[in-house]
């Protein structure tokens, strides 16, 4: 018996571990709903009576692909730009240790990579691969926008600073330092052909003979 299976094959992956400071992500900005027409993400301006600030509840708000295009100089390679937006809660305190106010804030970071996406040739029409080449799709079509980009990310809050700017005509701000771990993977659809496929029988690992024994260990 012959069976065809569609799957996603890992082609390349890249792991990045970074310490992001205000030099990479800028000062803290007011968290906004990006779907709103009035969203602007103004820089958080601390009160003049604030003497310290804390940050809590760091979380990833969104991960999005900003760019995915073939590299013009390396055949089979792709230029990938991934955007990350993360949020946290800032709380300002006065010299007596009393809370002044809290602000939902956040930052954005973009990571650029060049990854191996494999050079392939496909017969296609209007951006779709048709079932004449893949009959096991039962009339369905799949987009030609390959390779597929998968992203996983984790952020950790390392430090937060209430920065009093002493330069003329410059305003105060809040600066955070964030630990970042990201993994970007490129995958392609692949067809696995299984000939004479049979179910495999699991080996007997345990036996019961009076007492209990498993792989030569008895109790």
C-alpha atoms as a PDB file:
ATOM      1  CA  UNK A   1       0.000   0.000   0.000  1.00  0.00           C
ATOM      2  CA  UNK A   2       1.311   3.447  -0.920  1.00  0.00           C
ATOM      3  CA  UNK A   3       0.460   6.514   1.162  1.00  0.00           C
ATOM      4  CA  UNK A   4       1.323  10.170   0.611  1.00  0.00           C
ATOM      5  CA  UNK A   5       1.515  12.522   3.578  1.00  0.00           C
ATOM      6  CA  UNK A   6       1.874  16.300   3.527  1.00  0.00           C
ATOM      7  CA  UNK A   7       4.121  17.637   6.264  1.00  0.00           C
ATOM      8  CA  UNK A   8       6.266  20.647   7.066  1.00  0.00           C
ATOM      9  CA  UNK A   9       9.993  20.025   6.837  1.00  0.00           C
ATOM     10  CA  UNK A  10      12.455  22.100   8.863  1.00  0.00           C
ATOM     11  CA  UNK A  11      14.966  23.721   6.489  1.00  0.00           C
ATOM     12  CA  UNK A  12      16.872  26.154   8.708  1.00  0.00           C
ATOM     13  CA  UNK A  13      16.631  27.737  12.144  1.00  0.00           C
ATOM     14  CA  UNK A  14      18.381  30.483  14.065  1.00  0.00           C
ATOM     15  CA  UNK A  15      18.569  31.099  17.823  1.00  0.00           C
ATOM     16  CA  UNK A  16      19.266  34.587  19.208  1.00  0.00           C
ATOM     17  CA  UNK A  17      19.912  35.469  22.841  1.00  0.00           C
ATOM     18  CA  UNK A  18      20.277  39.215  23.456  1.00  0.00           C
ATOM     19  CA  UNK A  19      20.264  41.866  26.148  1.00  0.00           C
ATOM     20  CA  UNK A  20      18.059  44.686  24.864  1.00  0.00           C
ATOM     21  CA  UNK A  21      18.700  48.143  26.324  1.00  0.00           C
ATOM     22  CA  UNK A  22      17.251  51.548  25.460  1.00  0.00           C
ATOM     23  CA  UNK A  23      19.871  51.749  22.684  1.00  0.00           C
ATOM     24  CA  UNK A  24      18.038  48.960  20.839  1.00  0.00           C
ATOM     25  CA  UNK A  25      14.433  49.531  21.923  1.00  0.00           C
ATOM     26  CA  UNK A  26      14.334  53.188  22.996  1.00  0.00           C
ATOM     27  CA  UNK A  27      12.524  54.561  26.069  1.00  0.00           C
ATOM     28  CA  UNK A  28       9.313  53.108  27.474  1.00  0.00           C
ATOM     29  CA  UNK A  29       6.217  54.092  25.517  1.00  0.00           C
ATOM     30  CA  UNK A  30       2.564  54.171  26.489  1.00  0.00           C
ATOM     31  CA  UNK A  31       0.919  50.900  25.471  1.00  0.00           C
ATOM     32  CA  UNK A  32      -1.654  51.392  22.716  1.00  0.00           C
ATOM     33  CA  UNK A  33      -4.172  49.451  20.696  1.00  0.00           C
ATOM     34  CA  UNK A  34      -2.549  49.386  17.254  1.00  0.00           C
ATOM     35  CA  UNK A  35      -5.953  48.953  15.600  1.00  0.00           C
ATOM     36  CA  UNK A  36      -7.008  52.383  16.849  1.00  0.00           C
ATOM     37  CA  UNK A  37      -6.629  55.408  14.568  1.00  0.00           C
ATOM     38  CA  UNK A  38      -5.443  57.474  17.545  1.00  0.00           C
ATOM     39  CA  UNK A  39      -2.640  55.065  18.506  1.00  0.00           C
ATOM     40  CA  UNK A  40       0.699  56.845  18.714  1.00  0.00           C
ATOM     41  CA  UNK A  41       2.693  55.255  21.557  1.00  0.00           C
ATOM     42  CA  UNK A  42       3.866  58.439  23.267  1.00  0.00           C
ATOM     43  CA  UNK A  43       7.008  58.239  25.421  1.00  0.00           C
ATOM     44  CA  UNK A  44       6.205  57.740  29.105  1.00  0.00           C
ATOM     45  CA  UNK A  45       6.999  60.960  31.031  1.00  0.00           C
ATOM     46  CA  UNK A  46       7.444  60.401  34.796  1.00  0.00           C
ATOM     47  CA  UNK A  47       6.089  62.842  37.348  1.00  0.00           C
ATOM     48  CA  UNK A  48       8.520  65.373  38.789  1.00  0.00           C
ATOM     49  CA  UNK A  49       7.866  64.060  42.294  1.00  0.00           C
ATOM     50  CA  UNK A  50       8.679  60.457  41.330  1.00  0.00           C
ATOM     51  CA  UNK A  51      11.924  59.158  42.818  1.00  0.00           C
ATOM     52  CA  UNK A  52      11.767  55.547  41.620  1.00  0.00           C
ATOM     53  CA  UNK A  53       9.922  53.220  39.265  1.00  0.00           C
ATOM     54  CA  UNK A  54       9.216  49.488  39.177  1.00  0.00           C
ATOM     55  CA  UNK A  55       8.132  47.258  36.309  1.00  0.00           C
ATOM     56  CA  UNK A  56       6.022  44.093  36.499  1.00  0.00           C
ATOM     57  CA  UNK A  57       3.957  41.685  34.401  1.00  0.00           C
ATOM     58  CA  UNK A  58       6.218  41.598  31.347  1.00  0.00           C
ATOM     59  CA  UNK A  59       4.438  39.832  28.486  1.00  0.00           C
ATOM     60  CA  UNK A  60       4.708  39.402  24.720  1.00  0.00           C
ATOM     61  CA  UNK A  61       1.927  41.312  22.975  1.00  0.00           C
ATOM     62  CA  UNK A  62       2.588  40.326  19.368  1.00  0.00           C
ATOM     63  CA  UNK A  63       5.048  38.660  17.007  1.00  0.00           C
ATOM     64  CA  UNK A  64       4.806  39.494  13.319  1.00  0.00           C
ATOM     65  CA  UNK A  65       6.773  39.020  10.091  1.00  0.00           C
ATOM     66  CA  UNK A  66       7.750  42.428   8.719  1.00  0.00           C
ATOM     67  CA  UNK A  67       9.674  41.119   5.707  1.00  0.00           C
ATOM     68  CA  UNK A  68      10.228  37.789   3.959  1.00  0.00           C
ATOM     69  CA  UNK A  69      11.915  38.004   0.573  1.00  0.00           C
ATOM     70  CA  UNK A  70      14.612  36.166  -1.425  1.00  0.00           C
ATOM     71  CA  UNK A  71      18.136  37.416  -0.817  1.00  0.00           C
ATOM     72  CA  UNK A  72      19.387  39.125  -4.015  1.00  0.00           C
ATOM     73  CA  UNK A  73      22.943  37.824  -3.589  1.00  0.00           C
ATOM     74  CA  UNK A  74      22.534  34.254  -2.263  1.00  0.00           C
ATOM     75  CA  UNK A  75      20.424  31.793  -4.239  1.00  0.00           C
ATOM     76  CA  UNK A  76      18.065  29.889  -1.975  1.00  0.00           C
ATOM     77  CA  UNK A  77      18.508  32.269   0.967  1.00  0.00           C
ATOM     78  CA  UNK A  78      15.806  34.535   2.387  1.00  0.00           C
ATOM     79  CA  UNK A  79      15.932  37.858   4.219  1.00  0.00           C
ATOM     80  CA  UNK A  80      13.667  37.715   7.256  1.00  0.00           C
ATOM     81  CA  UNK A  81      12.678  40.602   9.535  1.00  0.00           C
ATOM     82  CA  UNK A  82      10.652  39.677  12.598  1.00  0.00           C
ATOM     83  CA  UNK A  83       8.940  42.279  14.788  1.00  0.00           C
ATOM     84  CA  UNK A  84       8.221  41.830  18.497  1.00  0.00           C
ATOM     85  CA  UNK A  85       6.058  43.968  20.764  1.00  0.00           C
ATOM     86  CA  UNK A  86       6.093  43.466  24.520  1.00  0.00           C
ATOM     87  CA  UNK A  87       4.301  45.197  27.382  1.00  0.00           C
ATOM     88  CA  UNK A  88       4.707  45.702  31.124  1.00  0.00           C
ATOM     89  CA  UNK A  89       3.243  47.703  33.992  1.00  0.00           C
ATOM     90  CA  UNK A  90       5.231  50.703  35.270  1.00  0.00           C
ATOM     91  CA  UNK A  91       4.553  51.947  38.798  1.00  0.00           C
ATOM     92  CA  UNK A  92       5.981  55.269  40.026  1.00  0.00           C
ATOM     93  CA  UNK A  93       6.836  55.975  43.675  1.00  0.00           C
ATOM     94  CA  UNK A  94       7.611  59.137  45.636  1.00  0.00           C
ATOM     95  CA  UNK A  95      10.312  59.715  48.247  1.00  0.00           C
ATOM     96  CA  UNK A  96       8.004  58.470  51.045  1.00  0.00           C
ATOM     97  CA  UNK A  97       7.437  55.135  49.299  1.00  0.00           C
ATOM     98  CA  UNK A  98       3.885  56.007  48.287  1.00  0.00           C
ATOM     99  CA  UNK A  99       2.561  54.992  44.898  1.00  0.00           C
ATOM    100  CA  UNK A 100       1.950  57.931  42.555  1.00  0.00           C
ATOM    101  CA  UNK A 101       0.449  56.193  39.525  1.00  0.00           C
ATOM    102  CA  UNK A 102       0.759  53.201  37.188  1.00  0.00           C
ATOM    103  CA  UNK A 103       1.110  53.145  33.411  1.00  0.00           C
ATOM    104  CA  UNK A 104       0.737  50.293  30.931  1.00  0.00           C
ATOM    105  CA  UNK A 105       3.850  50.628  28.777  1.00  0.00           C
ATOM    106  CA  UNK A 106       5.797  48.702  26.178  1.00  0.00           C
ATOM    107  CA  UNK A 107       8.462  48.599  23.501  1.00  0.00           C
ATOM    108  CA  UNK A 108       9.066  47.078  20.080  1.00  0.00           C
ATOM    109  CA  UNK A 109      12.082  45.308  18.641  1.00  0.00           C
ATOM    110  CA  UNK A 110      12.930  44.107  15.125  1.00  0.00           C
ATOM    111  CA  UNK A 111      15.335  41.258  14.374  1.00  0.00           C
ATOM    112  CA  UNK A 112      16.889  40.822  10.909  1.00  0.00           C
ATOM    113  CA  UNK A 113      18.160  37.467   9.651  1.00  0.00           C
ATOM    114  CA  UNK A 114      19.332  35.839   6.439  1.00  0.00           C
ATOM    115  CA  UNK A 115      18.419  32.160   6.386  1.00  0.00           C
ATOM    116  CA  UNK A 116      18.661  29.191   4.043  1.00  0.00           C
ATOM    117  CA  UNK A 117      15.254  28.553   2.503  1.00  0.00           C
ATOM    118  CA  UNK A 118      16.417  26.122  -0.240  1.00  0.00           C
ATOM    119  CA  UNK A 119      16.141  26.863  -3.952  1.00  0.00           C
ATOM    120  CA  UNK A 120      13.204  24.927  -5.449  1.00  0.00           C
ATOM    121  CA  UNK A 121      11.282  25.015  -8.734  1.00  0.00           C
ATOM    122  CA  UNK A 122       7.510  24.532  -8.819  1.00  0.00           C
ATOM    123  CA  UNK A 123       4.827  24.568 -11.482  1.00  0.00           C
ATOM    124  CA  UNK A 124       2.272  27.108 -10.414  1.00  0.00           C
ATOM    125  CA  UNK A 125      -0.397  29.440 -11.704  1.00  0.00           C
ATOM    126  CA  UNK A 126      -1.637  32.663 -10.074  1.00  0.00           C
ATOM    127  CA  UNK A 127       0.385  31.965  -6.950  1.00  0.00           C
ATOM    128  CA  UNK A 128      -1.105  28.525  -6.264  1.00  0.00           C
ATOM    129  CA  UNK A 129       0.156  24.971  -6.564  1.00  0.00           C
ATOM    130  CA  UNK A 130      -2.585  22.802  -8.028  1.00  0.00           C
ATOM    131  CA  UNK A 131      -3.661  19.266  -7.278  1.00  0.00           C
ATOM    132  CA  UNK A 132      -2.523  17.984 -10.653  1.00  0.00           C
ATOM    133  CA  UNK A 133       0.912  17.957  -9.010  1.00  0.00           C
ATOM    134  CA  UNK A 134      -0.407  16.965  -5.572  1.00  0.00           C
ATOM    135  CA  UNK A 135      -3.450  14.687  -6.064  1.00  0.00           C
ATOM    136  CA  UNK A 136      -3.574  13.792  -2.366  1.00  0.00           C
ATOM    137  CA  UNK A 137      -4.854  17.301  -1.575  1.00  0.00           C
ATOM    138  CA  UNK A 138      -8.318  16.389  -2.937  1.00  0.00           C
ATOM    139  CA  UNK A 139      -8.850  19.544  -4.947  1.00  0.00           C
ATOM    140  CA  UNK A 140      -7.359  21.919  -2.385  1.00  0.00           C
ATOM    141  CA  UNK A 141      -4.619  24.426  -3.159  1.00  0.00           C
ATOM    142  CA  UNK A 142      -1.766  25.696  -1.035  1.00  0.00           C
ATOM    143  CA  UNK A 143      -0.138  29.144  -1.262  1.00  0.00           C
ATOM    144  CA  UNK A 144       3.231  29.451  -2.953  1.00  0.00           C
ATOM    145  CA  UNK A 145       4.475  31.950  -0.345  1.00  0.00           C
ATOM    146  CA  UNK A 146       7.208  29.651   0.861  1.00  0.00           C
ATOM    147  CA  UNK A 147       9.140  29.017   2.984  1.00  0.00           C
ATOM    148  CA  UNK A 148       6.992  29.170   6.094  1.00  0.00           C
ATOM    149  CA  UNK A 149       8.397  31.228   8.953  1.00  0.00           C
ATOM    150  CA  UNK A 150       7.782  30.111  12.551  1.00  0.00           C
ATOM    151  CA  UNK A 151       8.865  32.231  15.519  1.00  0.00           C
ATOM    152  CA  UNK A 152       9.071  31.570  19.248  1.00  0.00           C
ATOM    153  CA  UNK A 153      10.230  34.189  21.746  1.00  0.00           C
ATOM    154  CA  UNK A 154      10.664  34.761  25.471  1.00  0.00           C
ATOM    155  CA  UNK A 155      11.374  38.040  27.275  1.00  0.00           C
ATOM    156  CA  UNK A 156      12.631  38.611  30.812  1.00  0.00           C
ATOM    157  CA  UNK A 157      12.766  41.964  32.617  1.00  0.00           C
ATOM    158  CA  UNK A 158      16.296  42.661  33.860  1.00  0.00           C
ATOM    159  CA  UNK A 159      16.264  46.307  34.947  1.00  0.00           C
ATOM    160  CA  UNK A 160      14.223  49.514  34.916  1.00  0.00           C
ATOM    161  CA  UNK A 161      15.589  53.043  35.365  1.00  0.00           C
ATOM    162  CA  UNK A 162      13.942  56.398  36.044  1.00  0.00           C
ATOM    163  CA  UNK A 163      16.162  58.556  33.842  1.00  0.00           C
ATOM    164  CA  UNK A 164      16.340  62.269  34.649  1.00  0.00           C
ATOM    165  CA  UNK A 165      17.601  64.020  31.542  1.00  0.00           C
ATOM    166  CA  UNK A 166      19.895  66.925  32.415  1.00  0.00           C
ATOM    167  CA  UNK A 167      20.281  68.136  28.853  1.00  0.00           C
ATOM    168  CA  UNK A 168      18.589  71.386  27.950  1.00  0.00           C
ATOM    169  CA  UNK A 169      15.107  71.050  26.416  1.00  0.00           C
ATOM    170  CA  UNK A 170      15.163  67.262  26.957  1.00  0.00           C
ATOM    171  CA  UNK A 171      12.496  65.509  28.993  1.00  0.00           C
ATOM    172  CA  UNK A 172      12.738  62.675  31.511  1.00  0.00           C
ATOM    173  CA  UNK A 173      11.990  59.092  30.523  1.00  0.00           C
ATOM    174  CA  UNK A 174      11.960  55.483  31.680  1.00  0.00           C
ATOM    175  CA  UNK A 175      14.495  52.997  30.352  1.00  0.00           C
ATOM    176  CA  UNK A 176      14.108  49.232  30.639  1.00  0.00           C
ATOM    177  CA  UNK A 177      16.587  46.427  30.010  1.00  0.00           C
ATOM    178  CA  UNK A 178      15.089  43.193  28.739  1.00  0.00           C
ATOM    179  CA  UNK A 179      16.568  39.747  28.180  1.00  0.00           C
ATOM    180  CA  UNK A 180      15.449  38.272  24.860  1.00  0.00           C
ATOM    181  CA  UNK A 181      15.528  34.691  23.586  1.00  0.00           C
ATOM    182  CA  UNK A 182      14.136  34.067  20.122  1.00  0.00           C
ATOM    183  CA  UNK A 183      14.076  31.123  17.723  1.00  0.00           C
ATOM    184  CA  UNK A 184      13.167  31.577  14.062  1.00  0.00           C
ATOM    185  CA  UNK A 185      12.569  28.510  11.876  1.00  0.00           C
ATOM    186  CA  UNK A 186      12.045  28.183   8.129  1.00  0.00           C
ATOM    187  CA  UNK A 187       9.929  25.273   6.908  1.00  0.00           C
ATOM    188  CA  UNK A 188       8.639  24.041   3.567  1.00  0.00           C
ATOM    189  CA  UNK A 189       5.752  21.788   2.651  1.00  0.00           C
ATOM    190  CA  UNK A 190       7.035  18.343   1.719  1.00  0.00           C
ATOM    191  CA  UNK A 191       5.399  15.150   0.501  1.00  0.00           C
ATOM    192  CA  UNK A 192       6.368  11.933   2.260  1.00  0.00           C
ATOM    193  CA  UNK A 193       5.768   8.772   0.261  1.00  0.00           C
ATOM    194  CA  UNK A 194       5.189   5.748   2.486  1.00  0.00           C
ATOM    195  CA  UNK A 195       5.321   2.453   0.593  1.00  0.00           C
ATOM    196  CA  UNK A 196       3.942  -0.705   2.190  1.00  0.00           C
ATOM    197  CA  UNK A 197       3.331   1.182   5.416  1.00  0.00           C
ATOM    198  CA  UNK A 198       2.544  -1.013   8.391  1.00  0.00           C
ATOM    199  CA  UNK A 199       1.758  -0.302  11.980  1.00  0.00           C
ATOM    200  CA  UNK A 200       4.758  -0.958  14.169  1.00  0.00           C
ATOM    201  CA  UNK A 201       4.309  -3.175  17.187  1.00  0.00           C
ATOM    202  CA  UNK A 202       5.561  -1.726  20.449  1.00  0.00           C
ATOM    203  CA  UNK A 203       8.186  -3.935  22.137  1.00  0.00           C
ATOM    204  CA  UNK A 204       7.269  -5.573  25.423  1.00  0.00           C
ATOM    205  CA  UNK A 205       9.205  -3.652  28.036  1.00  0.00           C
ATOM    206  CA  UNK A 206       7.612  -5.027  31.157  1.00  0.00           C
ATOM    207  CA  UNK A 207       6.744  -8.564  32.226  1.00  0.00           C
ATOM    208  CA  UNK A 208       4.878  -9.874  35.235  1.00  0.00           C
ATOM    209  CA  UNK A 209       6.079 -13.159  36.684  1.00  0.00           C
ATOM    210  CA  UNK A 210       5.347 -13.383  40.367  1.00  0.00           C
ATOM    211  CA  UNK A 211       7.084 -10.094  41.160  1.00  0.00           C
ATOM    212  CA  UNK A 212       7.418  -7.015  38.934  1.00  0.00           C
ATOM    213  CA  UNK A 213      10.331  -6.713  36.517  1.00  0.00           C
ATOM    214  CA  UNK A 214      11.039  -4.091  33.868  1.00  0.00           C
ATOM    215  CA  UNK A 215      14.079  -4.150  31.575  1.00  0.00           C
ATOM    216  CA  UNK A 216      15.921  -6.405  33.969  1.00  0.00           C
ATOM    217  CA  UNK A 217      15.136  -4.360  37.081  1.00  0.00           C
ATOM    218  CA  UNK A 218      13.156  -6.155  39.788  1.00  0.00           C
ATOM    219  CA  UNK A 219      11.369  -4.924  42.872  1.00  0.00           C
END
